[in-house]
Amino acid sequence: MKKIIQVAVVLLLTMAFSGVVNAQKEKQAKNTALYLSCNMDCHSCENKLTELLKFEKGVRDLKCDFKSNTIYVLYKTGSNTNEALMKAIEKKGYVVTSISKDAYDSLMEAAKGNAEHGH
């Protein structure tokens, strides 16, 4: 009888743990990452776009960087769209293009390198 109880407890703990892992995976899948290139000229542009985008529906994480002319937005899937976020930026007079994560990473790295060399 004691052995049956131990097996039951182990099974319950295993099922509970797998439920937590699945819930975390589902939570991550509910977000969409958007990588953009944008014609920012200065810190003021960066601040203006940050202020604009942080209040857009569903935005969970945001990084505007004028040195690399890039924007990263993580938003709740279903609460917004790539097109709507890009349109909001364009309404402020900026030219914006969707780019890949690899292109974003390259632009960020290049901007970081230029800053370190004083260019």
PDB file of N, CA and C in Angstrom:
ATOM      1  N   MET A   1       0.825  -1.187   0.000  1.00  0.00           N
ATOM      2  CA  MET A   1       0.000   0.000   0.000  1.00  0.00           C
ATOM      3  C   MET A   1       0.877   1.261   0.000  1.00  0.00           C
ATOM      4  N   LYS A   2       1.953   1.227   0.795  1.00  0.00           N
ATOM      5  CA  LYS A   2       2.852   2.365   0.873  1.00  0.00           C
ATOM      6  C   LYS A   2       3.500   2.642  -0.488  1.00  0.00           C
ATOM      7  N   LYS A   3       3.823   1.600  -1.195  1.00  0.00           N
ATOM      8  CA  LYS A   3       4.449   1.714  -2.520  1.00  0.00           C
ATOM      9  C   LYS A   3       3.479   2.360  -3.513  1.00  0.00           C
ATOM     10  N   ILE A   4       2.207   2.011  -3.440  1.00  0.00           N
ATOM     11  CA  ILE A   4       1.187   2.574  -4.340  1.00  0.00           C
ATOM     12  C   ILE A   4       1.054   4.079  -4.079  1.00  0.00           C
ATOM     13  N   ILE A   5       1.081   4.484  -2.839  1.00  0.00           N
ATOM     14  CA  ILE A   5       0.972   5.904  -2.485  1.00  0.00           C
ATOM     15  C   ILE A   5       2.188   6.668  -3.002  1.00  0.00           C
ATOM     16  N   GLN A   6       3.377   6.088  -2.867  1.00  0.00           N
ATOM     17  CA  GLN A   6       4.587   6.746  -3.355  1.00  0.00           C
ATOM     18  C   GLN A   6       4.535   6.927  -4.870  1.00  0.00           C
ATOM     19  N   VAL A   7       4.093   5.911  -5.581  1.00  0.00           N
ATOM     20  CA  VAL A   7       3.983   5.979  -7.039  1.00  0.00           C
ATOM     21  C   VAL A   7       2.957   7.046  -7.428  1.00  0.00           C
ATOM     22  N   ALA A   8       1.841   7.094  -6.724  1.00  0.00           N
ATOM     23  CA  ALA A   8       0.796   8.078  -7.007  1.00  0.00           C
ATOM     24  C   ALA A   8       1.315   9.499  -6.787  1.00  0.00           C
ATOM     25  N   VAL A   9       2.067   9.713  -5.726  1.00  0.00           N
ATOM     26  CA  VAL A   9       2.629  11.037  -5.438  1.00  0.00           C
ATOM     27  C   VAL A   9       3.609  11.451  -6.536  1.00  0.00           C
ATOM     28  N   VAL A  10       4.467  10.529  -6.949  1.00  0.00           N
ATOM     29  CA  VAL A  10       5.432  10.825  -8.013  1.00  0.00           C
ATOM     30  C   VAL A  10       4.697  11.175  -9.305  1.00  0.00           C
ATOM     31  N   LEU A  11       3.662  10.435  -9.647  1.00  0.00           N
ATOM     32  CA  LEU A  11       2.890  10.723 -10.849  1.00  0.00           C
ATOM     33  C   LEU A  11       2.215  12.090 -10.769  1.00  0.00           C
ATOM     34  N   LEU A  12       1.649  12.420  -9.639  1.00  0.00           N
ATOM     35  CA  LEU A  12       0.996  13.719  -9.469  1.00  0.00           C
ATOM     36  C   LEU A  12       1.994  14.874  -9.593  1.00  0.00           C
ATOM     37  N   LEU A  13       3.164  14.700  -8.975  1.00  0.00           N
ATOM     38  CA  LEU A  13       4.189  15.744  -9.072  1.00  0.00           C
ATOM     39  C   LEU A  13       4.683  15.907 -10.511  1.00  0.00           C
ATOM     40  N   THR A  14       4.853  14.803 -11.206  1.00  0.00           N
ATOM     41  CA  THR A  14       5.284  14.856 -12.605  1.00  0.00           C
ATOM     42  C   THR A  14       4.257  15.574 -13.464  1.00  0.00           C
ATOM     43  N   MET A  15       2.985  15.265 -13.272  1.00  0.00           N
ATOM     44  CA  MET A  15       1.921  15.918 -14.044  1.00  0.00           C
ATOM     45  C   MET A  15       1.847  17.401 -13.711  1.00  0.00           C
ATOM     46  N   ALA A  16       1.994  17.754 -12.456  1.00  0.00           N
ATOM     47  CA  ALA A  16       1.928  19.160 -12.053  1.00  0.00           C
ATOM     48  C   ALA A  16       3.096  19.943 -12.657  1.00  0.00           C
ATOM     49  N   PHE A  17       4.296  19.367 -12.628  1.00  0.00           N
ATOM     50  CA  PHE A  17       5.463  20.047 -13.182  1.00  0.00           C
ATOM     51  C   PHE A  17       5.336  20.226 -14.686  1.00  0.00           C
ATOM     52  N   SER A  18       4.863  19.229 -15.404  1.00  0.00           N
ATOM     53  CA  SER A  18       4.719  19.351 -16.855  1.00  0.00           C
ATOM     54  C   SER A  18       3.671  20.397 -17.203  1.00  0.00           C
ATOM     55  N   GLY A  19       2.676  20.561 -16.354  1.00  0.00           N
ATOM     56  CA  GLY A  19       1.669  21.610 -16.574  1.00  0.00           C
ATOM     57  C   GLY A  19       2.274  22.990 -16.458  1.00  0.00           C
ATOM     58  N   VAL A  20       3.180  23.197 -15.516  1.00  0.00           N
ATOM     59  CA  VAL A  20       3.859  24.485 -15.346  1.00  0.00           C
ATOM     60  C   VAL A  20       4.740  24.782 -16.555  1.00  0.00           C
ATOM     61  N   VAL A  21       5.474  23.793 -17.019  1.00  0.00           N
ATOM     62  CA  VAL A  21       6.343  23.973 -18.185  1.00  0.00           C
ATOM     63  C   VAL A  21       5.509  24.311 -19.410  1.00  0.00           C
ATOM     64  N   ASN A  22       4.407  23.601 -19.625  1.00  0.00           N
ATOM     65  CA  ASN A  22       3.539  23.886 -20.770  1.00  0.00           C
ATOM     66  C   ASN A  22       2.936  25.275 -20.677  1.00  0.00           C
ATOM     67  N   ALA A  23       2.562  25.713 -19.500  1.00  0.00           N
ATOM     68  CA  ALA A  23       1.991  27.051 -19.323  1.00  0.00           C
ATOM     69  C   ALA A  23       3.019  28.119 -19.668  1.00  0.00           C
ATOM     70  N   GLN A  24       4.283  27.903 -19.296  1.00  0.00           N
ATOM     71  CA  GLN A  24       5.334  28.860 -19.630  1.00  0.00           C
ATOM     72  C   GLN A  24       5.561  28.910 -21.135  1.00  0.00           C
ATOM     73  N   LYS A  25       5.555  27.767 -21.805  1.00  0.00           N
ATOM     74  CA  LYS A  25       5.722  27.733 -23.259  1.00  0.00           C
ATOM     75  C   LYS A  25       4.575  28.449 -23.950  1.00  0.00           C
ATOM     76  N   GLU A  26       3.344  28.235 -23.471  1.00  0.00           N
ATOM     77  CA  GLU A  26       2.191  28.895 -24.052  1.00  0.00           C
ATOM     78  C   GLU A  26       2.279  30.403 -23.855  1.00  0.00           C
ATOM     79  N   LYS A  27       2.746  30.840 -22.706  1.00  0.00           N
ATOM     80  CA  LYS A  27       2.866  32.268 -22.426  1.00  0.00           C
ATOM     81  C   LYS A  27       3.868  32.904 -23.388  1.00  0.00           C
ATOM     82  N   GLN A  28       4.992  32.247 -23.634  1.00  0.00           N
ATOM     83  CA  GLN A  28       5.986  32.763 -24.561  1.00  0.00           C
ATOM     84  C   GLN A  28       5.440  32.809 -25.980  1.00  0.00           C
ATOM     85  N   ALA A  29       4.648  31.842 -26.371  1.00  0.00           N
ATOM     86  CA  ALA A  29       4.098  31.786 -27.714  1.00  0.00           C
ATOM     87  C   ALA A  29       3.046  32.857 -27.940  1.00  0.00           C
ATOM     88  N   LYS A  30       2.534  33.456 -26.895  1.00  0.00           N
ATOM     89  CA  LYS A  30       1.498  34.464 -27.014  1.00  0.00           C
ATOM     90  C   LYS A  30       2.057  35.852 -27.298  1.00  0.00           C
ATOM     91  N   ASN A  31       3.363  35.968 -27.468  1.00  0.00           N
ATOM     92  CA  ASN A  31       3.983  37.249 -27.772  1.00  0.00           C
ATOM     93  C   ASN A  31       4.578  37.220 -29.174  1.00  0.00           C
ATOM     94  N   THR A  32       4.562  38.380 -29.821  1.00  0.00           N
ATOM     95  CA  THR A  32       5.148  38.523 -31.148  1.00  0.00           C
ATOM     96  C   THR A  32       6.265  39.548 -31.069  1.00  0.00           C
ATOM     97  N   ALA A  33       7.416  39.210 -31.646  1.00  0.00           N
ATOM     98  CA  ALA A  33       8.547  40.135 -31.699  1.00  0.00           C
ATOM     99  C   ALA A  33       8.571  40.795 -33.073  1.00  0.00           C
ATOM    100  N   LEU A  34       8.752  42.113 -33.073  1.00  0.00           N
ATOM    101  CA  LEU A  34       8.823  42.888 -34.306  1.00  0.00           C
ATOM    102  C   LEU A  34      10.142  43.652 -34.307  1.00  0.00           C
ATOM    103  N   TYR A  35      10.893  43.514 -35.392  1.00  0.00           N
ATOM    104  CA  TYR A  35      12.177  44.194 -35.546  1.00  0.00           C
ATOM    105  C   TYR A  35      12.038  45.164 -36.709  1.00  0.00           C
ATOM    106  N   LEU A  36      12.422  46.421 -36.471  1.00  0.00           N
ATOM    107  CA  LEU A  36      12.220  47.469 -37.468  1.00  0.00           C
ATOM    108  C   LEU A  36      13.479  48.288 -37.681  1.00  0.00           C
ATOM    109  N   SER A  37      13.578  48.843 -38.887  1.00  0.00           N
ATOM    110  CA  SER A  37      14.573  49.846 -39.204  1.00  0.00           C
ATOM    111  C   SER A  37      13.802  51.143 -39.392  1.00  0.00           C
ATOM    112  N   CYS A  38      14.304  52.239 -38.811  1.00  0.00           N
ATOM    113  CA  CYS A  38      13.578  53.511 -38.828  1.00  0.00           C
ATOM    114  C   CYS A  38      14.567  54.670 -38.944  1.00  0.00           C
ATOM    115  N   ASN A  39      14.162  55.728 -39.616  1.00  0.00           N
ATOM    116  CA  ASN A  39      15.055  56.869 -39.872  1.00  0.00           C
ATOM    117  C   ASN A  39      15.079  57.874 -38.721  1.00  0.00           C
ATOM    118  N   MET A  40      15.604  57.468 -37.576  1.00  0.00           N
ATOM    119  CA  MET A  40      15.749  58.371 -36.438  1.00  0.00           C
ATOM    120  C   MET A  40      17.036  59.171 -36.592  1.00  0.00           C
ATOM    121  N   ASP A  41      16.988  60.473 -36.210  1.00  0.00           N
ATOM    122  CA  ASP A  41      18.160  61.340 -36.344  1.00  0.00           C
ATOM    123  C   ASP A  41      18.872  61.613 -35.026  1.00  0.00           C
ATOM    124  N   CYS A  42      18.146  61.489 -33.902  1.00  0.00           N
ATOM    125  CA  CYS A  42      18.728  61.931 -32.636  1.00  0.00           C
ATOM    126  C   CYS A  42      18.008  61.273 -31.459  1.00  0.00           C
ATOM    127  N   HIS A  43      18.462  61.605 -30.255  1.00  0.00           N
ATOM    128  CA  HIS A  43      17.824  61.078 -29.046  1.00  0.00           C
ATOM    129  C   HIS A  43      16.379  61.526 -28.932  1.00  0.00           C
ATOM    130  N   SER A  44      16.089  62.711 -29.418  1.00  0.00           N
ATOM    131  CA  SER A  44      14.716  63.217 -29.372  1.00  0.00           C
ATOM    132  C   SER A  44      13.780  62.309 -30.179  1.00  0.00           C
ATOM    133  N   CYS A  45      14.237  61.876 -31.352  1.00  0.00           N
ATOM    134  CA  CYS A  45      13.446  60.945 -32.170  1.00  0.00           C
ATOM    135  C   CYS A  45      13.237  59.634 -31.413  1.00  0.00           C
ATOM    136  N   GLU A  46      14.317  59.136 -30.832  1.00  0.00           N
ATOM    137  CA  GLU A  46      14.264  57.897 -30.053  1.00  0.00           C
ATOM    138  C   GLU A  46      13.247  58.016 -28.914  1.00  0.00           C
ATOM    139  N   ASN A  47      13.291  59.124 -28.192  1.00  0.00           N
ATOM    140  CA  ASN A  47      12.364  59.345 -27.079  1.00  0.00           C
ATOM    141  C   ASN A  47      10.920  59.478 -27.565  1.00  0.00           C
ATOM    142  N   LYS A  48      10.734  60.182 -28.667  1.00  0.00           N
ATOM    143  CA  LYS A  48       9.393  60.374 -29.220  1.00  0.00           C
ATOM    144  C   LYS A  48       8.764  59.026 -29.596  1.00  0.00           C
ATOM    145  N   LEU A  49       9.552  58.172 -30.239  1.00  0.00           N
ATOM    146  CA  LEU A  49       9.038  56.861 -30.647  1.00  0.00           C
ATOM    147  C   LEU A  49       8.832  55.941 -29.452  1.00  0.00           C
ATOM    148  N   THR A  50       9.705  56.033 -28.470  1.00  0.00           N
ATOM    149  CA  THR A  50       9.527  55.235 -27.258  1.00  0.00           C
ATOM    150  C   THR A  50       8.224  55.617 -26.569  1.00  0.00           C
ATOM    151  N   GLU A  51       7.989  56.930 -26.429  1.00  0.00           N
ATOM    152  CA  GLU A  51       6.755  57.405 -25.793  1.00  0.00           C
ATOM    153  C   GLU A  51       5.521  56.973 -26.580  1.00  0.00           C
ATOM    154  N   LEU A  52       5.607  57.016 -27.896  1.00  0.00           N
ATOM    155  CA  LEU A  52       4.489  56.603 -28.750  1.00  0.00           C
ATOM    156  C   LEU A  52       4.191  55.117 -28.582  1.00  0.00           C
ATOM    157  N   LEU A  53       5.219  54.297 -28.726  1.00  0.00           N
ATOM    158  CA  LEU A  53       5.018  52.849 -28.781  1.00  0.00           C
ATOM    159  C   LEU A  53       4.722  52.212 -27.429  1.00  0.00           C
ATOM    160  N   LYS A  54       5.225  52.805 -26.357  1.00  0.00           N
ATOM    161  CA  LYS A  54       4.994  52.164 -25.058  1.00  0.00           C
ATOM    162  C   LYS A  54       3.525  52.181 -24.662  1.00  0.00           C
ATOM    163  N   PHE A  55       2.737  53.041 -25.286  1.00  0.00           N
ATOM    164  CA  PHE A  55       1.311  53.090 -24.983  1.00  0.00           C
ATOM    165  C   PHE A  55       0.455  52.371 -26.023  1.00  0.00           C
ATOM    166  N   GLU A  56       1.085  51.785 -27.027  1.00  0.00           N
ATOM    167  CA  GLU A  56       0.332  51.007 -28.009  1.00  0.00           C
ATOM    168  C   GLU A  56      -0.172  49.731 -27.340  1.00  0.00           C
ATOM    169  N   LYS A  57      -1.326  49.313 -27.748  1.00  0.00           N
ATOM    170  CA  LYS A  57      -1.991  48.162 -27.139  1.00  0.00           C
ATOM    171  C   LYS A  57      -1.120  46.900 -27.216  1.00  0.00           C
ATOM    172  N   GLY A  58      -0.975  46.230 -26.075  1.00  0.00           N
ATOM    173  CA  GLY A  58      -0.297  44.934 -26.013  1.00  0.00           C
ATOM    174  C   GLY A  58       1.211  44.976 -25.922  1.00  0.00           C
ATOM    175  N   VAL A  59       1.829  46.154 -25.976  1.00  0.00           N
ATOM    176  CA  VAL A  59       3.290  46.235 -25.958  1.00  0.00           C
ATOM    177  C   VAL A  59       3.816  45.822 -24.581  1.00  0.00           C
ATOM    178  N   ARG A  60       4.722  44.844 -24.596  1.00  0.00           N
ATOM    179  CA  ARG A  60       5.290  44.305 -23.355  1.00  0.00           C
ATOM    180  C   ARG A  60       6.749  44.666 -23.177  1.00  0.00           C
ATOM    181  N   ASP A  61       7.464  44.850 -24.277  1.00  0.00           N
ATOM    182  CA  ASP A  61       8.871  45.225 -24.210  1.00  0.00           C
ATOM    183  C   ASP A  61       9.174  46.083 -25.428  1.00  0.00           C
ATOM    184  N   LEU A  62      10.124  47.006 -25.255  1.00  0.00           N
ATOM    185  CA  LEU A  62      10.376  47.982 -26.305  1.00  0.00           C
ATOM    186  C   LEU A  62      11.803  48.488 -26.200  1.00  0.00           C
ATOM    187  N   LYS A  63      12.463  48.632 -27.352  1.00  0.00           N
ATOM    188  CA  LYS A  63      13.815  49.196 -27.390  1.00  0.00           C
ATOM    189  C   LYS A  63      13.958  49.991 -28.681  1.00  0.00           C
ATOM    190  N   CYS A  64      14.053  51.311 -28.553  1.00  0.00           N
ATOM    191  CA  CYS A  64      14.337  52.184 -29.684  1.00  0.00           C
ATOM    192  C   CYS A  64      15.790  52.620 -29.567  1.00  0.00           C
ATOM    193  N   ASP A  65      16.525  52.598 -30.687  1.00  0.00           N
ATOM    194  CA  ASP A  65      17.931  52.972 -30.657  1.00  0.00           C
ATOM    195  C   ASP A  65      18.252  53.808 -31.892  1.00  0.00           C
ATOM    196  N   PHE A  66      18.488  55.120 -31.692  1.00  0.00           N
ATOM    197  CA  PHE A  66      18.731  55.980 -32.844  1.00  0.00           C
ATOM    198  C   PHE A  66      20.096  55.740 -33.475  1.00  0.00           C
ATOM    199  N   LYS A  67      21.079  55.275 -32.705  1.00  0.00           N
ATOM    200  CA  LYS A  67      22.413  55.037 -33.260  1.00  0.00           C
ATOM    201  C   LYS A  67      22.398  53.943 -34.324  1.00  0.00           C
ATOM    202  N   SER A  68      21.584  52.927 -34.112  1.00  0.00           N
ATOM    203  CA  SER A  68      21.481  51.841 -35.089  1.00  0.00           C
ATOM    204  C   SER A  68      20.252  52.002 -35.983  1.00  0.00           C
ATOM    205  N   ASN A  69      19.419  53.005 -35.675  1.00  0.00           N
ATOM    206  CA  ASN A  69      18.151  53.224 -36.397  1.00  0.00           C
ATOM    207  C   ASN A  69      17.262  51.991 -36.349  1.00  0.00           C
ATOM    208  N   THR A  70      17.169  51.383 -35.172  1.00  0.00           N
ATOM    209  CA  THR A  70      16.363  50.175 -35.025  1.00  0.00           C
ATOM    210  C   THR A  70      15.346  50.319 -33.903  1.00  0.00           C
ATOM    211  N   ILE A  71      14.301  49.512 -34.017  1.00  0.00           N
ATOM    212  CA  ILE A  71      13.272  49.428 -32.988  1.00  0.00           C
ATOM    213  C   ILE A  71      12.940  47.954 -32.795  1.00  0.00           C
ATOM    214  N   TYR A  72      12.854  47.547 -31.545  1.00  0.00           N
ATOM    215  CA  TYR A  72      12.412  46.198 -31.186  1.00  0.00           C
ATOM    216  C   TYR A  72      11.141  46.359 -30.360  1.00  0.00           C
ATOM    217  N   VAL A  73      10.085  45.657 -30.764  1.00  0.00           N
ATOM    218  CA  VAL A  73       8.827  45.687 -30.017  1.00  0.00           C
ATOM    219  C   VAL A  73       8.385  44.251 -29.764  1.00  0.00           C
ATOM    220  N   LEU A  74       8.079  43.931 -28.520  1.00  0.00           N
ATOM    221  CA  LEU A  74       7.478  42.653 -28.165  1.00  0.00           C
ATOM    222  C   LEU A  74       6.069  42.966 -27.703  1.00  0.00           C
ATOM    223  N   TYR A  75       5.083  42.384 -28.383  1.00  0.00           N
ATOM    224  CA  TYR A  75       3.701  42.677 -28.025  1.00  0.00           C
ATOM    225  C   TYR A  75       2.883  41.400 -27.934  1.00  0.00           C
ATOM    226  N   LYS A  76       1.785  41.517 -27.221  1.00  0.00           N
ATOM    227  CA  LYS A  76       0.897  40.378 -27.020  1.00  0.00           C
ATOM    228  C   LYS A  76       0.194  40.060 -28.336  1.00  0.00           C
ATOM    229  N   THR A  77       0.395  38.834 -28.808  1.00  0.00           N
ATOM    230  CA  THR A  77      -0.228  38.395 -30.044  1.00  0.00           C
ATOM    231  C   THR A  77      -1.747  38.516 -29.921  1.00  0.00           C
ATOM    232  N   GLY A  78      -2.360  39.099 -30.943  1.00  0.00           N
ATOM    233  CA  GLY A  78      -3.805  39.280 -30.943  1.00  0.00           C
ATOM    234  C   GLY A  78      -4.242  40.640 -30.432  1.00  0.00           C
ATOM    235  N   SER A  79      -3.353  41.316 -29.690  1.00  0.00           N
ATOM    236  CA  SER A  79      -3.681  42.651 -29.187  1.00  0.00           C
ATOM    237  C   SER A  79      -3.285  43.743 -30.168  1.00  0.00           C
ATOM    238  N   ASN A  80      -2.368  43.423 -31.063  1.00  0.00           N
ATOM    239  CA  ASN A  80      -1.887  44.398 -32.027  1.00  0.00           C
ATOM    240  C   ASN A  80      -1.355  43.646 -33.242  1.00  0.00           C
ATOM    241  N   THR A  81      -0.883  44.373 -34.250  1.00  0.00           N
ATOM    242  CA  THR A  81      -0.298  43.740 -35.433  1.00  0.00           C
ATOM    243  C   THR A  81       0.963  44.497 -35.834  1.00  0.00           C
ATOM    244  N   ASN A  82       1.805  43.837 -36.594  1.00  0.00           N
ATOM    245  CA  ASN A  82       3.009  44.493 -37.118  1.00  0.00           C
ATOM    246  C   ASN A  82       2.617  45.720 -37.935  1.00  0.00           C
ATOM    247  N   GLU A  83       1.610  45.550 -38.776  1.00  0.00           N
ATOM    248  CA  GLU A  83       1.169  46.626 -39.666  1.00  0.00           C
ATOM    249  C   GLU A  83       0.668  47.832 -38.876  1.00  0.00           C
ATOM    250  N   ALA A  84      -0.118  47.596 -37.828  1.00  0.00           N
ATOM    251  CA  ALA A  84      -0.660  48.698 -37.030  1.00  0.00           C
ATOM    252  C   ALA A  84       0.449  49.455 -36.306  1.00  0.00           C
ATOM    253  N   LEU A  85       1.423  48.740 -35.778  1.00  0.00           N
ATOM    254  CA  LEU A  85       2.541  49.396 -35.094  1.00  0.00           C
ATOM    255  C   LEU A  85       3.375  50.213 -36.080  1.00  0.00           C
ATOM    256  N   MET A  86       3.613  49.663 -37.253  1.00  0.00           N
ATOM    257  CA  MET A  86       4.371  50.387 -38.266  1.00  0.00           C
ATOM    258  C   MET A  86       3.605  51.633 -38.739  1.00  0.00           C
ATOM    259  N   LYS A  87       2.318  51.508 -38.874  1.00  0.00           N
ATOM    260  CA  LYS A  87       1.491  52.636 -39.299  1.00  0.00           C
ATOM    261  C   LYS A  87       1.527  53.763 -38.262  1.00  0.00           C
ATOM    262  N   ALA A  88       1.525  53.419 -36.990  1.00  0.00           N
ATOM    263  CA  ALA A  88       1.600  54.421 -35.924  1.00  0.00           C
ATOM    264  C   ALA A  88       2.906  55.210 -36.028  1.00  0.00           C
ATOM    265  N   ILE A  89       3.997  54.520 -36.341  1.00  0.00           N
ATOM    266  CA  ILE A  89       5.300  55.173 -36.503  1.00  0.00           C
ATOM    267  C   ILE A  89       5.286  56.079 -37.730  1.00  0.00           C
ATOM    268  N   GLU A  90       4.741  55.579 -38.822  1.00  0.00           N
ATOM    269  CA  GLU A  90       4.671  56.351 -40.064  1.00  0.00           C
ATOM    270  C   GLU A  90       3.831  57.619 -39.888  1.00  0.00           C
ATOM    271  N   LYS A  91       2.783  57.549 -39.073  1.00  0.00           N
ATOM    272  CA  LYS A  91       1.941  58.724 -38.817  1.00  0.00           C
ATOM    273  C   LYS A  91       2.722  59.851 -38.165  1.00  0.00           C
ATOM    274  N   LYS A  92       3.807  59.512 -37.486  1.00  0.00           N
ATOM    275  CA  LYS A  92       4.663  60.522 -36.852  1.00  0.00           C
ATOM    276  C   LYS A  92       5.708  61.073 -37.832  1.00  0.00           C
ATOM    277  N   GLY A  93       5.664  60.601 -39.086  1.00  0.00           N
ATOM    278  CA  GLY A  93       6.557  61.124 -40.114  1.00  0.00           C
ATOM    279  C   GLY A  93       7.837  60.340 -40.344  1.00  0.00           C
ATOM    280  N   TYR A  94       7.933  59.170 -39.779  1.00  0.00           N
ATOM    281  CA  TYR A  94       9.140  58.355 -39.942  1.00  0.00           C
ATOM    282  C   TYR A  94       8.936  57.318 -41.041  1.00  0.00           C
ATOM    283  N   VAL A  95      10.051  56.938 -41.661  1.00  0.00           N
ATOM    284  CA  VAL A  95      10.050  55.846 -42.633  1.00  0.00           C
ATOM    285  C   VAL A  95      10.474  54.603 -41.868  1.00  0.00           C
ATOM    286  N   VAL A  96       9.659  53.562 -41.935  1.00  0.00           N
ATOM    287  CA  VAL A  96       9.921  52.362 -41.150  1.00  0.00           C
ATOM    288  C   VAL A  96       9.817  51.127 -42.038  1.00  0.00           C
ATOM    289  N   THR A  97      10.712  50.164 -41.803  1.00  0.00           N
ATOM    290  CA  THR A  97      10.721  48.908 -42.556  1.00  0.00           C
ATOM    291  C   THR A  97      10.915  47.750 -41.604  1.00  0.00           C
ATOM    292  N   SER A  98      10.205  46.675 -41.852  1.00  0.00           N
ATOM    293  CA  SER A  98      10.368  45.460 -41.066  1.00  0.00           C
ATOM    294  C   SER A  98      11.665  44.773 -41.483  1.00  0.00           C
ATOM    295  N   ILE A  99      12.437  44.305 -40.496  1.00  0.00           N
ATOM    296  CA  ILE A  99      13.690  43.604 -40.775  1.00  0.00           C
ATOM    297  C   ILE A  99      13.721  42.302 -39.974  1.00  0.00           C
ATOM    298  N   SER A 100      14.642  41.428 -40.334  1.00  0.00           N
ATOM    299  CA  SER A 100      14.790  40.156 -39.619  1.00  0.00           C
ATOM    300  C   SER A 100      15.526  40.385 -38.297  1.00  0.00           C
ATOM    301  N   LYS A 101      15.430  39.403 -37.416  1.00  0.00           N
ATOM    302  CA  LYS A 101      16.163  39.474 -36.147  1.00  0.00           C
ATOM    303  C   LYS A 101      17.664  39.517 -36.406  1.00  0.00           C
ATOM    304  N   ASP A 102      18.127  38.767 -37.398  1.00  0.00           N
ATOM    305  CA  ASP A 102      19.559  38.770 -37.721  1.00  0.00           C
ATOM    306  C   ASP A 102      20.018  40.152 -38.193  1.00  0.00           C
ATOM    307  N   ALA A 103      19.204  40.798 -39.029  1.00  0.00           N
ATOM    308  CA  ALA A 103      19.541  42.148 -39.498  1.00  0.00           C
ATOM    309  C   ALA A 103      19.550  43.120 -38.328  1.00  0.00           C
ATOM    310  N   TYR A 104      18.562  42.985 -37.447  1.00  0.00           N
ATOM    311  CA  TYR A 104      18.496  43.828 -36.247  1.00  0.00           C
ATOM    312  C   TYR A 104      19.754  43.653 -35.401  1.00  0.00           C
ATOM    313  N   ASP A 105      20.119  42.403 -35.142  1.00  0.00           N
ATOM    314  CA  ASP A 105      21.310  42.116 -34.331  1.00  0.00           C
ATOM    315  C   ASP A 105      22.573  42.697 -34.975  1.00  0.00           C
ATOM    316  N   SER A 106      22.677  42.589 -36.300  1.00  0.00           N
ATOM    317  CA  SER A 106      23.843  43.125 -37.013  1.00  0.00           C
ATOM    318  C   SER A 106      23.913  44.643 -36.894  1.00  0.00           C
ATOM    319  N   LEU A 107      22.774  45.314 -37.061  1.00  0.00           N
ATOM    320  CA  LEU A 107      22.740  46.770 -36.941  1.00  0.00           C
ATOM    321  C   LEU A 107      23.085  47.225 -35.526  1.00  0.00           C
ATOM    322  N   MET A 108      22.575  46.513 -34.530  1.00  0.00           N
ATOM    323  CA  MET A 108      22.881  46.860 -33.140  1.00  0.00           C
ATOM    324  C   MET A 108      24.376  46.671 -32.862  1.00  0.00           C
ATOM    325  N   GLU A 109      24.934  45.586 -33.357  1.00  0.00           N
ATOM    326  CA  GLU A 109      26.355  45.300 -33.145  1.00  0.00           C
ATOM    327  C   GLU A 109      27.225  46.347 -33.849  1.00  0.00           C
ATOM    328  N   ALA A 110      26.863  46.715 -35.063  1.00  0.00           N
ATOM    329  CA  ALA A 110      27.620  47.720 -35.809  1.00  0.00           C
ATOM    330  C   ALA A 110      27.566  49.074 -35.091  1.00  0.00           C
ATOM    331  N   ALA A 111      26.399  49.444 -34.580  1.00  0.00           N
ATOM    332  CA  ALA A 111      26.264  50.715 -33.857  1.00  0.00           C
ATOM    333  C   ALA A 111      27.095  50.694 -32.576  1.00  0.00           C
ATOM    334  N   LYS A 112      27.106  49.556 -31.913  1.00  0.00           N
ATOM    335  CA  LYS A 112      27.899  49.409 -30.683  1.00  0.00           C
ATOM    336  C   LYS A 112      29.384  49.548 -31.012  1.00  0.00           C
ATOM    337  N   GLY A 113      29.813  48.931 -32.107  1.00  0.00           N
ATOM    338  CA  GLY A 113      31.211  49.016 -32.531  1.00  0.00           C
ATOM    339  C   GLY A 113      31.612  50.427 -32.892  1.00  0.00           C
ATOM    340  N   ASN A 114      30.726  51.153 -33.573  1.00  0.00           N
ATOM    341  CA  ASN A 114      31.018  52.538 -33.940  1.00  0.00           C
ATOM    342  C   ASN A 114      31.124  53.421 -32.703  1.00  0.00           C
ATOM    343  N   ALA A 115      30.299  53.179 -31.717  1.00  0.00           N
ATOM    344  CA  ALA A 115      30.332  53.971 -30.497  1.00  0.00           C
ATOM    345  C   ALA A 115      31.631  53.744 -29.731  1.00  0.00           C
ATOM    346  N   GLU A 116      32.114  52.512 -29.748  1.00  0.00           N
ATOM    347  CA  GLU A 116      33.341  52.189 -29.021  1.00  0.00           C
ATOM    348  C   GLU A 116      34.568  52.808 -29.683  1.00  0.00           C
ATOM    349  N   HIS A 117      34.493  53.040 -30.993  1.00  0.00           N
ATOM    350  CA  HIS A 117      35.634  53.602 -31.728  1.00  0.00           C
ATOM    351  C   HIS A 117      35.504  55.104 -31.931  1.00  0.00           C
ATOM    352  N   GLY A 118      34.503  55.707 -31.372  1.00  0.00           N
ATOM    353  CA  GLY A 118      34.358  57.151 -31.438  1.00  0.00           C
ATOM    354  C   GLY A 118      33.888  57.688 -32.776  1.00  0.00           C
ATOM    355  N   HIS A 119      33.263  56.872 -33.599  1.00  0.00           N
ATOM    356  CA  HIS A 119      32.761  57.311 -34.907  1.00  0.00           C
ATOM    357  C   HIS A 119      31.355  57.791 -34.819  1.00  0.00           C
TER     358      HIS A 119
END
